[in-house]
């Protein structure tokens, strides 16, 4: 069963510096996931990222590896303090 990783950012539309950092982070997530083929992130979602990024993961067993990549990139972009990760199933119900 497929999963979705949700990344919620604590930001406002007026915080242009943080919003730019989030956009750059989303670009790096797109590149990392494309090269590893763990999950898919449509380029249009990267361009529209604001306070939430939704990453569809192709299978349940790839979630941990995908989160590991995301955590590493959050740290590299100094966004760990403003990001909250959660995982849901296809219907939007939270999973562990």
N, C-alpha and C. Protein backbone atom coordinates (compact mmCIF):
# COMPACT_ATOMS: atom_id res chain seq x y z
N UNK A 1 0.84 -1.18 0.00
CA UNK A 1 0.00 0.00 0.00
C UNK A 1 0.89 1.25 0.00
N UNK A 2 0.55 2.19 -0.83
CA UNK A 2 1.34 3.42 -0.94
C UNK A 2 1.13 4.30 0.28
N UNK A 3 2.11 5.14 0.52
CA UNK A 3 2.08 6.09 1.63
C UNK A 3 2.38 7.48 1.11
N UNK A 4 2.10 8.47 1.94
CA UNK A 4 2.47 9.84 1.63
C UNK A 4 3.20 10.42 2.83
N UNK A 5 4.30 11.10 2.56
CA UNK A 5 5.02 11.81 3.60
C UNK A 5 4.61 13.28 3.49
N UNK A 6 4.13 13.82 4.60
CA UNK A 6 3.74 15.22 4.64
C UNK A 6 4.79 15.99 5.41
N UNK A 7 5.23 17.10 4.84
CA UNK A 7 6.15 17.99 5.54
C UNK A 7 5.45 19.32 5.69
N UNK A 8 5.10 19.65 6.92
CA UNK A 8 4.45 20.93 7.22
C UNK A 8 5.50 21.90 7.76
N UNK A 9 5.54 23.09 7.16
CA UNK A 9 6.50 24.11 7.57
C UNK A 9 5.79 25.22 8.33
N UNK A 10 6.41 25.68 9.40
CA UNK A 10 5.89 26.80 10.16
C UNK A 10 6.39 28.09 9.52
N UNK A 11 5.58 28.65 8.65
CA UNK A 11 5.97 29.85 7.92
C UNK A 11 4.74 30.70 7.63
N UNK A 12 5.01 31.90 7.17
CA UNK A 12 3.94 32.82 6.75
C UNK A 12 4.30 33.32 5.35
N UNK A 13 3.32 33.80 4.60
CA UNK A 13 3.61 34.33 3.26
C UNK A 13 4.59 35.51 3.28
N UNK A 14 4.64 36.23 4.40
CA UNK A 14 5.52 37.39 4.50
C UNK A 14 6.98 37.01 4.76
N UNK A 15 7.24 35.79 5.17
CA UNK A 15 8.60 35.36 5.50
C UNK A 15 9.32 34.89 4.23
N UNK A 16 9.74 35.84 3.40
CA UNK A 16 10.29 35.51 2.09
C UNK A 16 11.60 34.72 2.17
N UNK A 17 12.45 35.01 3.14
CA UNK A 17 13.71 34.27 3.26
C UNK A 17 13.45 32.79 3.55
N UNK A 18 12.56 32.53 4.49
CA UNK A 18 12.25 31.14 4.84
C UNK A 18 11.54 30.45 3.67
N UNK A 19 10.63 31.13 3.02
CA UNK A 19 9.93 30.54 1.89
C UNK A 19 10.89 30.19 0.76
N UNK A 20 11.89 31.03 0.55
CA UNK A 20 12.91 30.74 -0.47
C UNK A 20 13.72 29.51 -0.07
N UNK A 21 14.10 29.40 1.21
CA UNK A 21 14.83 28.23 1.69
C UNK A 21 14.01 26.95 1.51
N UNK A 22 12.71 27.04 1.76
CA UNK A 22 11.82 25.88 1.59
C UNK A 22 11.77 25.47 0.12
N UNK A 23 11.71 26.44 -0.77
CA UNK A 23 11.67 26.13 -2.20
C UNK A 23 12.97 25.46 -2.64
N UNK A 24 14.10 25.96 -2.18
CA UNK A 24 15.40 25.35 -2.51
C UNK A 24 15.47 23.93 -1.94
N UNK A 25 14.98 23.75 -0.71
CA UNK A 25 14.92 22.42 -0.09
C UNK A 25 14.08 21.48 -0.96
N UNK A 26 12.91 21.94 -1.39
CA UNK A 26 12.02 21.11 -2.21
C UNK A 26 12.70 20.71 -3.53
N UNK A 27 13.46 21.62 -4.12
CA UNK A 27 14.21 21.30 -5.34
C UNK A 27 15.21 20.17 -5.07
N UNK A 28 15.90 20.25 -3.94
CA UNK A 28 16.88 19.22 -3.59
C UNK A 28 16.21 17.88 -3.29
N UNK A 29 15.05 17.91 -2.63
CA UNK A 29 14.29 16.68 -2.38
C UNK A 29 13.89 16.05 -3.72
N UNK A 30 13.41 16.86 -4.63
CA UNK A 30 13.02 16.37 -5.96
C UNK A 30 14.19 15.65 -6.63
N UNK A 31 15.37 16.27 -6.63
CA UNK A 31 16.54 15.67 -7.26
C UNK A 31 16.97 14.38 -6.56
N UNK A 32 16.97 14.39 -5.24
CA UNK A 32 17.39 13.21 -4.49
C UNK A 32 16.45 12.03 -4.71
N UNK A 33 15.16 12.29 -4.71
CA UNK A 33 14.19 11.21 -4.88
C UNK A 33 14.16 10.71 -6.32
N UNK A 34 14.37 11.61 -7.25
CA UNK A 34 14.40 11.20 -8.66
C UNK A 34 15.57 10.26 -8.92
N UNK A 35 16.72 10.56 -8.34
CA UNK A 35 17.89 9.72 -8.58
C UNK A 35 17.82 8.39 -7.84
N UNK A 36 17.13 8.33 -6.70
CA UNK A 36 17.01 7.09 -5.93
C UNK A 36 15.78 6.26 -6.28
N UNK A 37 14.83 6.85 -6.98
CA UNK A 37 13.59 6.20 -7.36
C UNK A 37 12.82 5.62 -6.17
N UNK A 38 12.90 6.28 -5.02
CA UNK A 38 12.17 5.84 -3.83
C UNK A 38 10.75 6.38 -3.81
N UNK A 39 10.60 7.59 -4.29
CA UNK A 39 9.31 8.26 -4.25
C UNK A 39 9.24 9.21 -5.44
N UNK A 40 8.08 9.78 -5.64
CA UNK A 40 7.94 10.73 -6.74
C UNK A 40 7.47 12.07 -6.20
N UNK A 41 8.05 13.11 -6.73
CA UNK A 41 7.66 14.46 -6.36
C UNK A 41 7.51 15.25 -7.65
N UNK A 42 6.27 15.53 -8.05
CA UNK A 42 6.07 16.24 -9.31
C UNK A 42 6.72 17.64 -9.28
N UNK A 43 7.40 18.02 -10.37
CA UNK A 43 8.05 19.34 -10.40
C UNK A 43 7.08 20.49 -10.12
N UNK A 44 5.83 20.35 -10.52
CA UNK A 44 4.84 21.39 -10.25
C UNK A 44 4.61 21.59 -8.76
N UNK A 45 4.66 20.51 -7.99
CA UNK A 45 4.52 20.61 -6.54
C UNK A 45 5.70 21.35 -5.92
N UNK A 46 6.88 21.15 -6.50
CA UNK A 46 8.07 21.84 -6.02
C UNK A 46 7.91 23.35 -6.24
N UNK A 47 7.43 23.71 -7.42
CA UNK A 47 7.27 25.13 -7.75
C UNK A 47 6.22 25.82 -6.89
N UNK A 48 5.22 25.07 -6.43
CA UNK A 48 4.12 25.66 -5.65
C UNK A 48 4.27 25.49 -4.14
N UNK A 49 5.38 24.93 -3.69
CA UNK A 49 5.53 24.66 -2.26
C UNK A 49 5.43 25.95 -1.46
N UNK A 50 4.68 25.88 -0.36
CA UNK A 50 4.59 27.04 0.54
C UNK A 50 4.73 26.55 1.97
N UNK A 51 3.65 26.07 2.55
CA UNK A 51 3.73 25.62 3.93
C UNK A 51 3.61 24.10 4.06
N UNK A 52 3.35 23.39 2.96
CA UNK A 52 3.23 21.93 3.01
C UNK A 52 3.77 21.31 1.73
N UNK A 53 4.51 20.24 1.92
CA UNK A 53 5.02 19.46 0.80
C UNK A 53 4.53 18.03 0.98
N UNK A 54 3.88 17.49 -0.04
CA UNK A 54 3.34 16.13 0.00
C UNK A 54 4.17 15.27 -0.95
N UNK A 55 4.73 14.20 -0.40
CA UNK A 55 5.59 13.32 -1.19
C UNK A 55 4.98 11.92 -1.24
N UNK A 56 4.45 11.52 -2.39
CA UNK A 56 3.93 10.15 -2.51
C UNK A 56 5.08 9.15 -2.55
N UNK A 57 4.99 8.12 -1.71
CA UNK A 57 6.01 7.07 -1.66
C UNK A 57 5.40 5.83 -2.31
N UNK A 58 6.16 5.22 -3.19
CA UNK A 58 5.62 4.13 -4.01
C UNK A 58 5.22 2.89 -3.23
N UNK A 59 5.92 2.60 -2.14
CA UNK A 59 5.55 1.42 -1.36
C UNK A 59 5.86 1.67 0.11
N UNK A 60 5.20 0.91 0.95
CA UNK A 60 5.35 1.05 2.39
C UNK A 60 6.79 0.84 2.85
N UNK A 61 7.49 -0.09 2.23
CA UNK A 61 8.85 -0.41 2.68
C UNK A 61 9.87 0.66 2.33
N UNK A 62 9.52 1.61 1.48
CA UNK A 62 10.45 2.68 1.10
C UNK A 62 10.32 3.94 1.95
N UNK A 63 9.37 3.94 2.86
CA UNK A 63 9.10 5.14 3.66
C UNK A 63 10.30 5.52 4.52
N UNK A 64 10.88 4.56 5.22
CA UNK A 64 12.01 4.88 6.12
C UNK A 64 13.21 5.44 5.37
N UNK A 65 13.54 4.84 4.24
CA UNK A 65 14.68 5.35 3.47
C UNK A 65 14.39 6.75 2.93
N UNK A 66 13.16 6.97 2.53
CA UNK A 66 12.78 8.30 2.02
C UNK A 66 12.84 9.33 3.14
N UNK A 67 12.35 8.99 4.32
CA UNK A 67 12.41 9.91 5.46
C UNK A 67 13.85 10.20 5.83
N UNK A 68 14.70 9.21 5.74
CA UNK A 68 16.12 9.42 6.05
C UNK A 68 16.73 10.46 5.11
N UNK A 69 16.43 10.38 3.85
CA UNK A 69 16.92 11.37 2.88
C UNK A 69 16.35 12.74 3.19
N UNK A 70 15.06 12.81 3.51
CA UNK A 70 14.41 14.09 3.82
C UNK A 70 15.02 14.70 5.07
N UNK A 71 15.22 13.89 6.11
CA UNK A 71 15.83 14.39 7.35
C UNK A 71 17.22 14.97 7.09
N UNK A 72 17.99 14.28 6.29
CA UNK A 72 19.34 14.76 5.96
C UNK A 72 19.27 16.11 5.24
N UNK A 73 18.36 16.23 4.29
CA UNK A 73 18.23 17.49 3.55
C UNK A 73 17.67 18.61 4.43
N UNK A 74 16.75 18.29 5.33
CA UNK A 74 16.25 19.31 6.26
C UNK A 74 17.39 19.86 7.10
N UNK A 75 18.26 18.98 7.55
CA UNK A 75 19.40 19.40 8.35
C UNK A 75 20.36 20.26 7.52
N UNK A 76 20.65 19.83 6.31
CA UNK A 76 21.57 20.58 5.44
C UNK A 76 21.04 21.99 5.12
N UNK A 77 19.72 22.11 5.08
CA UNK A 77 19.10 23.40 4.75
C UNK A 77 18.67 24.19 6.00
N UNK A 78 19.04 23.68 7.16
CA UNK A 78 18.74 24.35 8.44
C UNK A 78 17.23 24.58 8.61
N UNK A 79 16.45 23.56 8.28
CA UNK A 79 14.99 23.66 8.37
C UNK A 79 14.38 22.70 9.39
N UNK A 80 15.20 21.99 10.15
CA UNK A 80 14.66 21.00 11.08
C UNK A 80 13.76 21.62 12.14
N UNK A 81 14.02 22.87 12.52
CA UNK A 81 13.23 23.51 13.57
C UNK A 81 11.87 23.99 13.10
N UNK A 82 11.68 24.12 11.79
CA UNK A 82 10.41 24.65 11.27
C UNK A 82 9.62 23.62 10.48
N UNK A 83 10.08 22.36 10.47
CA UNK A 83 9.42 21.32 9.69
C UNK A 83 8.90 20.21 10.59
N UNK A 84 7.70 19.73 10.26
CA UNK A 84 7.10 18.61 10.97
C UNK A 84 6.73 17.55 9.95
N UNK A 85 7.29 16.34 10.10
CA UNK A 85 7.02 15.24 9.19
C UNK A 85 5.95 14.33 9.75
N UNK A 86 5.09 13.86 8.86
CA UNK A 86 4.11 12.84 9.23
C UNK A 86 3.89 11.94 8.02
N UNK A 87 3.37 10.75 8.28
CA UNK A 87 3.13 9.77 7.22
C UNK A 87 1.66 9.38 7.25
N UNK A 88 1.04 9.34 6.07
CA UNK A 88 -0.35 8.93 5.96
C UNK A 88 -0.47 7.82 4.93
N UNK A 89 -1.59 7.10 4.99
CA UNK A 89 -1.87 6.13 3.94
C UNK A 89 -2.59 6.84 2.78
N UNK A 90 -3.03 6.08 1.80
CA UNK A 90 -3.67 6.68 0.63
C UNK A 90 -4.94 7.45 0.95
N UNK A 91 -5.62 7.05 2.02
CA UNK A 91 -6.87 7.71 2.39
C UNK A 91 -6.65 8.94 3.26
N UNK A 92 -5.40 9.20 3.64
CA UNK A 92 -5.09 10.36 4.47
C UNK A 92 -5.05 10.09 5.95
N UNK A 93 -5.19 8.83 6.35
CA UNK A 93 -5.16 8.45 7.75
C UNK A 93 -3.70 8.34 8.22
N UNK A 94 -3.36 8.93 9.37
CA UNK A 94 -1.99 8.84 9.87
C UNK A 94 -1.59 7.39 10.14
N UNK A 95 -0.33 7.08 9.86
CA UNK A 95 0.24 5.75 10.17
C UNK A 95 1.53 5.94 10.91
N UNK A 96 1.97 4.90 11.59
CA UNK A 96 3.23 4.96 12.34
C UNK A 96 4.42 4.79 11.44
